Protein backbone atom coordinates (compact mmCIF):
# COMPACT_ATOMS: atom_id res chain seq x y z
CA MET A 1 -85.99 -72.34 36.86
CA SER A 2 -84.38 -69.01 36.06
CA ALA A 3 -84.61 -68.97 32.26
CA GLU A 4 -80.83 -68.87 31.94
CA ARG A 5 -80.73 -70.39 28.51
CA SER A 6 -82.13 -71.94 25.40
CA TRP A 7 -80.17 -74.74 23.79
CA GLY A 8 -80.18 -77.07 20.86
CA LYS A 9 -82.96 -77.59 18.37
CA ALA A 10 -86.17 -79.40 19.13
CA PRO A 11 -87.04 -82.49 17.14
CA ARG A 12 -89.90 -82.15 14.69
CA THR A 13 -92.93 -82.76 16.84
CA GLY A 14 -96.05 -82.05 14.84
CA ARG A 15 -97.26 -79.85 17.70
CA ARG A 16 -99.60 -76.97 16.97
CA ALA A 17 -97.77 -73.82 16.00
CA SER A 18 -98.32 -70.40 17.53
CA PRO A 19 -101.18 -68.49 15.88
CA GLY A 20 -100.29 -66.68 12.68
CA PRO A 21 -101.28 -63.09 11.83
CA GLY A 22 -104.65 -64.10 10.37
CA ARG A 23 -105.65 -66.02 13.48
CA ILE A 24 -104.36 -63.19 15.68
CA ARG A 25 -106.51 -60.63 13.88
CA ALA A 26 -109.49 -62.95 13.99
CA ARG A 27 -109.06 -63.45 17.73
CA ALA A 28 -108.78 -59.71 18.33
CA ALA A 29 -111.82 -59.09 16.11
CA HIS A 30 -113.84 -61.68 17.98
CA ALA A 31 -112.79 -60.22 21.34
CA ILE A 32 -113.97 -56.74 20.34
CA GLY A 33 -117.20 -58.03 18.83
CA ARG A 34 -116.36 -57.79 15.13
CA PRO A 35 -117.05 -60.60 12.64
CA ASP A 36 -114.01 -62.32 11.16
CA THR A 37 -114.25 -61.69 7.43
CA GLY A 38 -110.90 -63.32 6.65
CA ARG A 39 -109.52 -59.95 5.50
CA ASN A 40 -106.96 -57.71 7.17
CA LEU A 41 -108.70 -55.78 9.91
CA GLU A 42 -108.03 -52.16 10.78
CA VAL A 43 -107.93 -52.40 14.56
CA THR A 44 -106.91 -49.41 16.67
CA ASP A 45 -104.59 -49.58 19.69
CA THR A 46 -107.54 -48.85 21.98
CA GLU A 47 -109.55 -51.70 20.51
CA LEU A 48 -106.62 -54.07 20.97
CA VAL A 49 -106.31 -53.11 24.63
CA ARG A 50 -110.07 -53.58 25.04
CA ALA A 51 -109.84 -57.05 23.49
CA ALA A 52 -106.94 -58.05 25.72
CA ALA A 53 -108.66 -56.66 28.82
CA ARG A 54 -111.85 -58.58 28.08
CA ASP A 55 -109.91 -61.84 27.62
CA PHE A 56 -108.06 -61.33 30.90
CA LEU A 57 -111.13 -60.40 32.93
CA GLU A 58 -112.96 -63.45 31.61
CA LEU A 59 -110.04 -65.60 32.76
CA PHE A 60 -109.82 -63.88 36.15
CA HIS A 61 -113.52 -64.28 36.91
CA ALA A 62 -113.61 -67.85 35.60
CA GLU A 63 -110.86 -68.84 38.07
CA HIS A 64 -112.30 -66.66 40.87
CA PRO A 65 -116.03 -67.45 40.81
CA LYS A 66 -116.53 -65.87 44.25
CA THR A 67 -115.84 -62.44 42.75
CA GLY A 68 -119.23 -62.63 41.08
CA TRP A 69 -120.41 -61.39 37.72
CA MET A 70 -117.72 -59.55 35.79
CA GLY A 71 -120.13 -57.16 34.03
CA PRO A 72 -119.63 -54.11 36.29
CA ARG A 73 -115.86 -54.52 36.36
CA LEU A 74 -115.69 -54.97 32.59
CA ALA A 75 -117.80 -51.87 32.00
CA ALA A 76 -115.58 -49.80 34.33
CA VAL A 77 -112.43 -51.04 32.58
CA MET A 78 -113.83 -50.24 29.14
CA ARG A 79 -114.70 -46.69 30.23
CA GLU A 80 -111.20 -46.23 31.63
CA ILE A 81 -109.60 -47.49 28.40
CA ASP A 82 -111.76 -45.15 26.32
CA LEU A 83 -110.66 -42.20 28.45
CA THR A 84 -106.95 -42.99 28.91
CA GLY A 85 -105.99 -45.74 26.46
CA THR A 86 -105.20 -48.11 29.33
CA TYR A 87 -106.52 -49.16 32.75
CA TRP A 88 -105.38 -49.95 36.29
CA HIS A 89 -105.49 -53.51 37.57
CA THR A 90 -106.87 -54.18 41.03
CA PRO A 91 -104.28 -55.68 43.42
CA GLU A 92 -106.03 -59.04 43.08
CA GLU A 93 -105.94 -58.88 39.28
CA LEU A 94 -102.26 -57.93 39.33
CA ALA A 95 -101.32 -60.82 41.62
CA PHE A 96 -103.36 -63.30 39.58
CA GLY A 97 -101.96 -62.00 36.30
CA ALA A 98 -98.35 -62.25 37.46
CA ARG A 99 -98.85 -65.80 38.70
CA VAL A 100 -100.59 -66.89 35.51
CA ALA A 101 -97.80 -65.29 33.46
CA TRP A 102 -95.43 -67.69 35.23
CA ARG A 103 -97.88 -70.54 34.66
CA ASN A 104 -97.96 -69.71 30.94
CA ASN A 105 -94.21 -69.25 30.49
CA ALA A 106 -93.24 -72.03 28.09
CA ARG A 107 -89.53 -71.75 28.91
CA CYS A 108 -89.74 -72.43 32.64
CA ILE A 109 -89.53 -75.97 34.02
CA GLY A 110 -90.31 -74.89 37.61
CA ARG A 111 -93.93 -73.87 37.19
CA LEU A 112 -95.27 -76.35 39.72
CA TYR A 113 -94.89 -73.53 42.26
CA TRP A 114 -96.69 -70.79 40.31
CA ARG A 115 -99.33 -70.25 43.00
CA SER A 116 -96.63 -69.46 45.58
CA LEU A 117 -95.26 -66.43 43.71
CA GLN A 118 -95.14 -63.43 46.04
CA VAL A 119 -96.22 -60.28 44.21
CA ARG A 120 -94.84 -56.89 45.28
CA ASP A 121 -97.14 -54.17 43.96
CA LEU A 122 -94.84 -51.23 43.23
CA ARG A 123 -96.82 -49.65 40.41
CA THR A 124 -96.55 -46.17 41.90
CA VAL A 125 -92.73 -46.34 41.66
CA SER A 126 -91.36 -44.90 38.42
CA ASP A 127 -88.16 -43.00 39.33
CA ALA A 128 -84.78 -44.65 38.76
CA ARG A 129 -83.57 -44.51 42.36
CA GLY A 130 -86.87 -45.87 43.66
CA VAL A 131 -86.81 -48.76 41.19
CA ALA A 132 -83.21 -49.61 42.06
CA GLY A 133 -83.84 -49.47 45.80
CA HIS A 134 -86.84 -51.77 45.57
CA CYS A 135 -84.84 -54.16 43.38
CA PHE A 136 -82.24 -54.39 46.13
CA ASP A 137 -85.00 -55.02 48.66
CA HIS A 138 -86.29 -57.74 46.34
CA LEU A 139 -82.91 -59.49 46.43
CA ARG A 140 -82.83 -59.40 50.23
CA ALA A 141 -86.41 -60.61 50.66
CA ALA A 142 -86.18 -63.32 48.00
CA HIS A 143 -82.97 -64.70 49.51
CA ASN A 144 -84.77 -65.26 52.81
CA GLY A 145 -81.74 -66.63 54.62
CA GLY A 146 -81.15 -69.12 51.81
CA LYS A 147 -84.74 -70.42 51.64
CA ILE A 148 -85.40 -68.76 48.29
CA ARG A 149 -88.85 -67.22 47.83
CA PRO A 150 -90.38 -67.03 44.34
CA MET A 151 -91.07 -63.30 43.98
CA ILE A 152 -91.92 -60.57 41.49
CA SER A 153 -91.70 -56.78 41.86
CA VAL A 154 -94.05 -54.97 39.48
CA PHE A 155 -93.18 -51.34 38.77
CA ALA A 156 -95.10 -48.63 36.90
CA PRO A 157 -96.89 -49.82 33.74
CA GLU A 158 -96.55 -48.46 30.23
CA ALA A 159 -99.13 -45.79 29.37
CA PRO A 160 -99.94 -44.02 26.09
CA SER A 161 -98.84 -40.71 27.57
CA ARG A 162 -95.81 -41.89 29.51
CA PRO A 163 -93.22 -44.66 28.96
CA ALA A 164 -92.50 -46.89 31.95
CA PRO A 165 -89.09 -47.45 33.58
CA ARG A 166 -86.87 -50.17 32.14
CA ILE A 167 -84.02 -52.24 33.53
CA TRP A 168 -81.10 -52.88 31.17
CA ASN A 169 -79.61 -55.85 33.03
CA GLU A 170 -80.72 -59.38 32.09
CA GLN A 171 -80.64 -60.27 35.78
CA LEU A 172 -80.26 -58.05 38.81
CA ILE A 173 -76.94 -59.77 39.53
CA ARG A 174 -74.56 -60.35 36.63
CA TYR A 175 -70.76 -60.51 36.53
CA ALA A 176 -68.52 -58.20 34.51
CA GLY A 177 -66.47 -59.39 31.55
CA TYR A 178 -63.26 -57.39 31.01
CA GLU A 179 -61.58 -57.66 27.62
CA GLN A 180 -57.84 -58.24 28.00
CA PRO A 181 -55.07 -57.05 25.64
CA ASP A 182 -54.60 -60.60 24.33
CA GLY A 183 -58.29 -60.86 23.41
CA ARG A 184 -59.26 -63.07 26.31
CA VAL A 185 -61.91 -62.05 28.85
CA LEU A 186 -61.55 -61.80 32.62
CA GLY A 187 -64.93 -62.67 34.11
CA ASP A 188 -68.07 -63.57 32.17
CA PRO A 189 -67.57 -63.23 28.38
CA ARG A 190 -71.32 -62.93 27.88
CA TYR A 191 -71.17 -59.44 29.39
CA ARG A 192 -68.03 -58.18 27.67
CA ALA A 193 -69.90 -55.65 25.51
CA PHE A 194 -72.24 -54.66 28.34
CA THR A 195 -69.28 -54.11 30.68
CA SER A 196 -67.44 -52.02 28.08
CA GLU A 197 -70.53 -49.87 27.56
CA LEU A 198 -70.93 -49.25 31.29
CA ILE A 199 -67.25 -48.31 31.60
CA ARG A 200 -67.71 -45.92 28.67
CA ARG A 201 -70.64 -44.37 30.53
CA GLY A 202 -68.57 -43.78 33.64
CA TRP A 203 -68.73 -46.94 35.72
CA ARG A 204 -65.64 -47.24 37.88
CA GLN A 205 -64.78 -50.92 38.13
CA PRO A 206 -62.95 -52.19 41.24
CA ASP A 207 -59.28 -51.27 41.57
CA ARG A 208 -58.45 -54.97 41.44
CA THR A 209 -60.71 -56.48 38.82
CA GLY A 210 -61.68 -60.12 39.13
CA ALA A 211 -63.74 -62.85 37.54
CA PHE A 212 -66.82 -62.16 39.68
CA ASP A 213 -67.22 -58.38 39.89
CA VAL A 214 -70.92 -57.55 40.19
CA LEU A 215 -72.12 -55.15 37.51
CA PRO A 216 -74.13 -52.07 38.50
CA LEU A 217 -77.88 -52.02 37.95
CA VAL A 218 -78.95 -49.76 35.09
CA VAL A 219 -82.44 -48.24 35.27
CA GLU A 220 -83.73 -46.04 32.47
CA THR A 221 -86.62 -43.59 32.80
CA VAL A 222 -88.05 -41.02 30.42
CA ASP A 223 -87.06 -38.15 32.72
CA GLU A 224 -83.58 -39.25 33.75
CA GLY A 225 -82.34 -41.51 30.97
CA PRO A 226 -80.18 -44.49 32.04
CA ARG A 227 -78.69 -44.33 35.56
CA MET A 228 -76.28 -46.77 37.20
CA PHE A 229 -76.58 -48.01 40.79
CA GLU A 230 -74.02 -50.13 42.62
CA LEU A 231 -75.57 -53.14 44.32
CA PRO A 232 -75.27 -53.03 48.13
CA VAL A 233 -73.09 -55.77 49.59
CA ASP A 234 -75.92 -57.07 51.78
CA ALA A 235 -78.13 -57.59 48.70
CA VAL A 236 -75.65 -59.84 46.89
CA HIS A 237 -75.59 -63.35 48.33
CA GLU A 238 -73.05 -65.66 46.74
CA VAL A 239 -72.13 -69.32 47.09
CA PRO A 240 -68.43 -70.34 46.95
CA MET A 241 -67.87 -73.55 44.99
CA ALA A 242 -66.39 -76.71 46.47
CA HIS A 243 -66.62 -80.40 45.57
CA PRO A 244 -67.66 -83.20 47.95
CA GLU A 245 -64.55 -85.26 47.06
CA LEU A 246 -62.16 -83.19 44.93
CA ALA A 247 -60.51 -80.88 47.47
CA TRP A 248 -58.69 -78.88 44.77
CA PHE A 249 -61.99 -77.68 43.28
CA ALA A 250 -62.25 -74.92 45.89
CA ASP A 251 -58.89 -73.57 44.68
CA LEU A 252 -60.50 -72.66 41.35
CA GLY A 253 -62.13 -69.72 43.15
CA MET A 254 -65.50 -70.19 41.49
CA ARG A 255 -68.69 -68.79 42.97
CA TRP A 256 -72.19 -67.83 41.87
CA HIS A 257 -75.05 -65.71 43.18
CA ALA A 258 -77.90 -67.30 45.09
CA VAL A 259 -80.99 -65.58 43.67
CA PRO A 260 -81.63 -65.56 39.88
CA VAL A 261 -83.81 -62.47 39.39
CA ILE A 262 -84.69 -62.02 35.69
CA SER A 263 -85.05 -58.29 35.14
CA ASN A 264 -85.32 -57.49 31.42
CA ASN A 265 -88.56 -59.32 30.59
CA ARG A 266 -91.80 -57.47 29.95
CA LEU A 267 -94.87 -58.65 31.86
CA ASP A 268 -98.12 -58.48 29.88
CA ILE A 269 -101.44 -58.73 31.72
CA GLY A 270 -104.65 -58.08 29.85
CA GLY A 271 -103.26 -55.46 27.47
CA VAL A 272 -101.30 -53.62 30.18
CA SER A 273 -97.53 -53.82 29.77
CA TYR A 274 -95.06 -53.75 32.68
CA PRO A 275 -91.53 -53.39 31.25
CA ALA A 276 -89.91 -53.44 34.71
CA ALA A 277 -91.11 -56.53 36.58
CA PRO A 278 -88.08 -58.47 37.91
CA PHE A 279 -88.98 -61.97 39.10
CA ASN A 280 -87.25 -65.07 40.43
CA GLY A 281 -87.64 -68.69 41.27
CA TRP A 282 -84.53 -70.60 42.32
CA TYR A 283 -81.70 -72.17 40.37
CA MET A 284 -81.65 -75.59 38.79
CA GLY A 285 -78.09 -76.83 39.11
CA THR A 286 -77.42 -77.32 35.40
CA GLU A 287 -78.17 -73.65 34.72
CA ILE A 288 -74.99 -72.84 36.62
CA GLY A 289 -72.87 -75.96 36.16
CA ALA A 290 -73.63 -76.93 32.57
CA ARG A 291 -74.18 -73.45 31.12
CA ASN A 292 -72.64 -70.60 33.14
CA PHE A 293 -69.56 -72.63 34.12
CA GLY A 294 -69.49 -75.15 31.30
CA ASP A 295 -70.19 -73.25 28.07
CA ASN A 296 -67.15 -72.40 25.98
CA ASP A 297 -68.38 -68.82 25.59
CA ARG A 298 -68.92 -68.40 29.33
CA TYR A 299 -66.47 -69.47 32.08
CA ALA A 300 -65.36 -72.53 30.03
CA LEU A 301 -64.39 -74.55 33.09
CA VAL A 302 -64.54 -78.02 31.52
CA PRO A 303 -60.96 -78.28 30.14
CA GLU A 304 -59.33 -77.13 33.38
CA VAL A 305 -61.38 -79.49 35.52
CA ALA A 306 -60.64 -82.37 33.15
CA GLU A 307 -56.92 -81.64 33.34
CA ARG A 308 -56.96 -81.51 37.14
CA MET A 309 -58.88 -84.79 37.17
CA GLY A 310 -56.11 -86.37 35.09
CA LEU A 311 -58.40 -87.26 32.21
CA ASP A 312 -57.15 -88.00 28.70
CA THR A 313 -58.18 -84.89 26.80
CA THR A 314 -56.50 -86.04 23.55
CA ASP A 315 -59.16 -88.63 22.80
CA GLU A 316 -62.81 -87.62 22.52
CA THR A 317 -63.90 -91.24 22.98
CA SER A 318 -62.71 -91.00 26.60
CA LEU A 319 -65.71 -88.69 27.14
CA TRP A 320 -63.51 -86.42 29.20
CA ARG A 321 -65.81 -83.47 28.63
CA ASP A 322 -68.83 -85.36 29.93
CA ARG A 323 -66.98 -86.65 33.00
CA ALA A 324 -65.67 -83.20 33.88
CA LEU A 325 -69.10 -81.61 33.35
CA VAL A 326 -70.74 -84.07 35.74
CA GLU A 327 -68.25 -83.18 38.48
CA ILE A 328 -68.77 -79.45 37.93
CA ASN A 329 -72.51 -79.95 38.36
CA ARG A 330 -71.95 -82.09 41.45
CA ALA A 331 -69.89 -79.24 42.90
CA VAL A 332 -72.68 -76.73 42.26
CA LEU A 333 -75.36 -78.84 43.96
CA HIS A 334 -73.03 -79.70 46.86
CA SER A 335 -72.02 -76.06 47.39
CA TYR A 336 -75.55 -74.68 47.42
CA ASN A 337 -76.70 -77.43 49.78
CA GLN A 338 -73.74 -76.85 52.09
CA SER A 339 -74.50 -73.11 52.12
CA GLY A 340 -78.19 -73.72 52.90
CA VAL A 341 -79.35 -72.11 49.64
CA THR A 342 -82.31 -73.55 47.75
CA ILE A 343 -81.42 -75.34 44.53
CA THR A 344 -82.81 -78.28 42.59
CA ASP A 345 -81.32 -80.93 40.32
CA HIS A 346 -82.54 -81.57 36.78
CA HIS A 347 -83.87 -85.07 37.44
CA THR A 348 -86.05 -83.97 40.38
CA GLU A 349 -87.30 -80.86 38.59
CA SER A 350 -88.18 -82.82 35.46
CA ARG A 351 -90.42 -85.12 37.49
CA ARG A 352 -92.01 -82.12 39.20
CA PHE A 353 -92.74 -80.50 35.85
CA LEU A 354 -94.71 -83.56 34.75
CA ILE A 355 -96.72 -83.27 37.98
CA HIS A 356 -97.48 -79.68 37.03
CA LEU A 357 -98.42 -80.76 33.51
CA GLU A 358 -100.82 -83.38 34.87
CA ARG A 359 -102.43 -80.85 37.22
CA GLU A 360 -102.94 -78.38 34.41
CA GLU A 361 -104.55 -81.02 32.23
CA LYS A 362 -106.89 -82.02 35.06
CA ALA A 363 -107.84 -78.35 35.43
CA GLY A 364 -108.76 -78.27 31.76
CA ARG A 365 -105.90 -75.97 30.78
CA ARG A 366 -103.26 -76.31 28.10
CA CYS A 367 -99.72 -76.14 29.44
CA PRO A 368 -97.41 -74.49 26.90
CA ALA A 369 -93.82 -75.75 26.92
CA ASP A 370 -90.79 -75.14 24.72
CA TRP A 371 -88.93 -78.44 24.39
CA THR A 372 -85.61 -76.68 23.83
CA TRP A 373 -85.88 -75.01 27.25
CA ILE A 374 -87.69 -77.68 29.27
CA VAL A 375 -85.20 -80.46 28.49
CA PRO A 376 -82.10 -79.96 30.70
CA PRO A 377 -78.74 -79.17 29.05
CA MET A 378 -77.15 -82.28 30.58
CA SER A 379 -78.34 -85.92 30.45
CA GLY A 380 -81.52 -84.77 28.71
CA SER A 381 -82.60 -88.23 27.55
CA LEU A 382 -82.35 -89.52 31.12
CA THR A 383 -85.12 -87.16 32.23
CA PRO A 384 -88.83 -87.86 31.63
CA VAL A 385 -89.43 -84.48 29.99
CA PHE A 386 -87.31 -85.54 27.01
CA HIS A 387 -89.60 -88.28 25.80
CA ARG A 388 -92.74 -86.38 24.91
CA TYR A 389 -94.12 -83.53 22.80
CA TYR A 390 -95.49 -80.21 24.03
CA ASN A 391 -97.83 -77.49 22.89
CA ALA A 392 -95.78 -74.30 22.56
CA GLU A 393 -98.60 -71.90 21.67
CA THR A 394 -98.21 -68.51 23.34
CA GLN A 395 -100.79 -67.75 26.02
CA LEU A 396 -101.50 -64.58 27.99
CA PRO A 397 -100.71 -63.28 30.56
CA ASN A 398 -97.01 -63.93 29.95
CA PHE A 399 -93.45 -62.63 29.97
CA PHE A 400 -91.74 -61.45 26.78
CA ASN A 401 -88.19 -60.52 25.84
CA ASP A 402 -89.02 -58.22 22.93
CA PRO A 403 -90.62 -54.94 24.03
CA GLU A 404 -92.99 -55.08 21.09
CA ALA A 405 -93.80 -58.79 21.45
CA THR A 406 -96.37 -58.12 24.14
CA HIS A 407 -99.07 -57.04 21.74
CA ARG A 408 -97.73 -58.54 18.55
CA SER A 409 -97.81 -62.02 20.08
CA LEU A 410 -101.58 -62.28 20.19
CA TYR A 411 -103.12 -58.96 19.27
CA GLY A 412 -101.21 -58.01 16.17
CA ALA A 413 -99.81 -54.55 16.99
CA PRO A 414 -97.13 -53.00 19.16
CA PRO A 415 -97.94 -50.85 22.18
CA ALA A 416 -97.78 -47.09 21.85
CA PHE A 417 -94.46 -45.46 22.72
CA ILE A 418 -93.55 -41.81 23.10
């Protein structure tokens, strides 16, 4: 649900691969009205944006027939691109594009709810303090008293004459990892380097450091550079971990945050790039229990839980790791449910994903899916998503990790940066 991880390697499936450079150039050439000669095409940045805009507007009007003929809107967009190198989405286009980006995201198993995504249009916000403040508001609104709302906050877009704000953090809430003299890490080892960098830049960690110290939010703008902002206490909602039967589990002092807001992905809609567009669904239990708590390079909780359970850790055939991991995941689901915070289990969400897949097929749309992300990291073969192949071809609108992947993915060239 929250794109916490990729894992494993997919079996060879024979599925159609993502389009190669030749097909990308041909698609761009077709979109801008040029014949595909099979040769490398010299396509300018403006032409690429025009091609992407045309594709998106065709999609928007096809799925919104009541908006009428797209000719006038397309002409206006093309004039704007010719004058400025980019264009401004209408609020309706922005909302549709953000929702379809979720629908097209091959790594997310929770796309059944894509239509319910609440879109916060914050495109006029480009200063660091404004971005940070609205991110904190996002956390409060998305938490919704525990009834998590799928939500996205879209800040100022990239423009040829001005870079957009960026958020350094992978998620709005992440926990520090402090390197200890003996080489071990207090907190989350994944963020050891990030924590050290923030300390080097002047972040004052708590006087008494712990395993769950919330890192500051880092927002970078062209005018101010990177700035750090402490998260307000009322924006950080956490769930303390307990087990329905193992009373000692609470003594481990584990906890996790309620709202998984991904904040370093770039949103691409019709050739317009939004580098700062934090968005969230809700957690699937295995993202926390099997990965954040279970991975050896994260909190590595499995050995300690196995020991407290009295399992034989000297013999792998006892499956002590598996037994301990199941109980950790039971604790996560139990704790979130007891705290009244939305969460889902991997069996339920796998069935829901197949419902989404069926609906997309009935609508005549391909549903891209990355097997290595869709199959849960625990008991994968017990879920229905394991036993089938998927089409992983990239579709737009979408979210991307690489800042340059937005245009390279389908249109063959990076966006312009200053």
